[in-house]
Amino acid sequence: MELTVRGAEATLTILDDKEQPVDATGIGATAVVLARGNERRTVEFRHAGANRLGAKVDFPFEGKFRATVALRGPSGSLGSARYSVDPVR
């Protein structure tokens, strides 16, 4: 997974171990994000076409976008990852 944050939108791009796109139909994700003031917020990612999942970021955060993302498919957990990314404002 690759996480990008642009404005008020977070996008997860799903790739396989050979960096090839994976169809994101039927895949979802939940992220626990560190918001301003060290408040934890939960964000739900939904299918956003092809190999992408998207979520709205409707709260302020400071500096880097820090998130722990849990990916899930129809049969359950597909794994998790931690991110600390610079947003594109």
Protein backbone atom coordinates (compact mmCIF):
# COMPACT_ATOMS: atom_id res chain seq x y z
CA MET A 1 0.00 0.00 0.00
CA GLU A 2 1.06 3.54 -0.69
CA LEU A 3 -0.61 6.39 1.20
CA THR A 4 -0.88 9.91 -0.18
CA VAL A 5 -2.70 12.89 1.31
CA ARG A 6 -3.74 15.81 -0.87
CA GLY A 7 -5.85 18.53 0.69
CA ALA A 8 -8.79 16.87 2.44
CA GLU A 9 -8.43 13.53 0.62
CA ALA A 10 -6.33 10.49 1.60
CA THR A 11 -5.67 7.82 -1.02
CA LEU A 12 -4.34 4.30 -0.62
CA THR A 13 -2.89 2.75 -3.76
CA ILE A 14 -2.81 -1.05 -3.62
CA LEU A 15 0.11 -2.83 -5.31
CA ASP A 16 1.36 -6.42 -5.19
CA ASP A 17 4.88 -7.49 -4.25
CA LYS A 18 6.00 -6.81 -7.85
CA GLU A 19 4.63 -3.24 -7.73
CA GLN A 20 1.74 -4.18 -10.03
CA PRO A 21 -1.77 -2.73 -9.43
CA VAL A 22 -4.21 -4.90 -7.47
CA ASP A 23 -7.95 -4.52 -8.15
CA ALA A 24 -9.34 -2.84 -5.02
CA THR A 25 -12.93 -3.99 -5.59
CA GLY A 26 -14.10 -5.61 -2.36
CA ILE A 27 -11.21 -4.18 -0.35
CA GLY A 28 -11.61 -1.62 2.42
CA ALA A 29 -9.40 -0.10 5.06
CA THR A 30 -9.60 1.64 8.39
CA ALA A 31 -6.96 4.11 9.58
CA VAL A 32 -6.32 5.48 13.03
CA VAL A 33 -4.85 8.94 12.47
CA LEU A 34 -3.11 11.29 14.87
CA ALA A 35 -4.99 14.61 14.59
CA ARG A 36 -4.11 18.01 16.03
CA GLY A 37 -3.55 17.95 19.80
CA ASN A 38 -2.64 14.21 19.71
CA GLU A 39 -6.31 13.30 19.28
CA ARG A 40 -6.89 9.95 17.57
CA ARG A 41 -9.38 9.89 14.70
CA THR A 42 -10.67 6.93 12.71
CA VAL A 43 -10.95 7.20 8.93
CA GLU A 44 -12.75 4.69 6.65
CA PHE A 45 -11.33 4.07 3.17
CA ARG A 46 -13.67 2.95 0.39
CA HIS A 47 -13.12 1.80 -3.18
CA ALA A 48 -12.18 4.77 -5.36
CA GLY A 49 -11.59 3.04 -8.68
CA ALA A 50 -9.04 0.59 -10.10
CA ASN A 51 -6.44 -0.09 -7.40
CA ARG A 52 -7.29 2.84 -5.11
CA LEU A 53 -9.15 3.43 -1.88
CA GLY A 54 -10.13 6.94 -0.80
CA ALA A 55 -11.16 8.70 2.40
CA LYS A 56 -12.05 12.24 3.46
CA VAL A 57 -9.80 13.93 6.00
CA ASP A 58 -12.22 16.36 7.65
CA PHE A 59 -10.12 17.29 10.67
CA PRO A 60 -6.91 19.26 11.22
CA PHE A 61 -3.55 17.60 11.79
CA GLU A 62 -0.12 19.06 12.32
CA GLY A 63 2.96 18.38 10.21
CA LYS A 64 3.09 14.86 8.87
CA PHE A 65 -0.01 12.71 8.38
CA ARG A 66 0.54 9.83 10.82
CA ALA A 67 -1.70 6.80 10.43
CA THR A 68 -1.93 3.10 11.19
CA VAL A 69 -3.90 1.45 8.39
CA ALA A 70 -5.63 -1.95 8.56
CA LEU A 71 -6.51 -3.40 5.15
CA ARG A 72 -9.35 -5.91 4.85
CA GLY A 73 -10.88 -8.01 2.11
CA PRO A 74 -14.00 -10.18 1.85
CA SER A 75 -12.32 -12.96 3.85
CA GLY A 76 -10.93 -10.73 6.62
CA SER A 77 -7.64 -9.00 7.43
CA LEU A 78 -5.10 -8.46 4.65
CA GLY A 79 -2.50 -6.76 6.86
CA SER A 80 -1.62 -3.42 8.32
CA ALA A 81 1.00 -0.70 7.99
CA ARG A 82 2.10 2.52 9.68
CA TYR A 83 2.66 5.73 7.77
CA SER A 84 4.12 9.14 8.41
CA VAL A 85 3.76 11.12 5.17
CA ASP A 86 4.06 14.73 4.15
CA PRO A 87 0.70 15.97 2.84
CA VAL A 88 0.38 17.90 -0.41
CA ARG A 89 -1.56 21.01 0.56
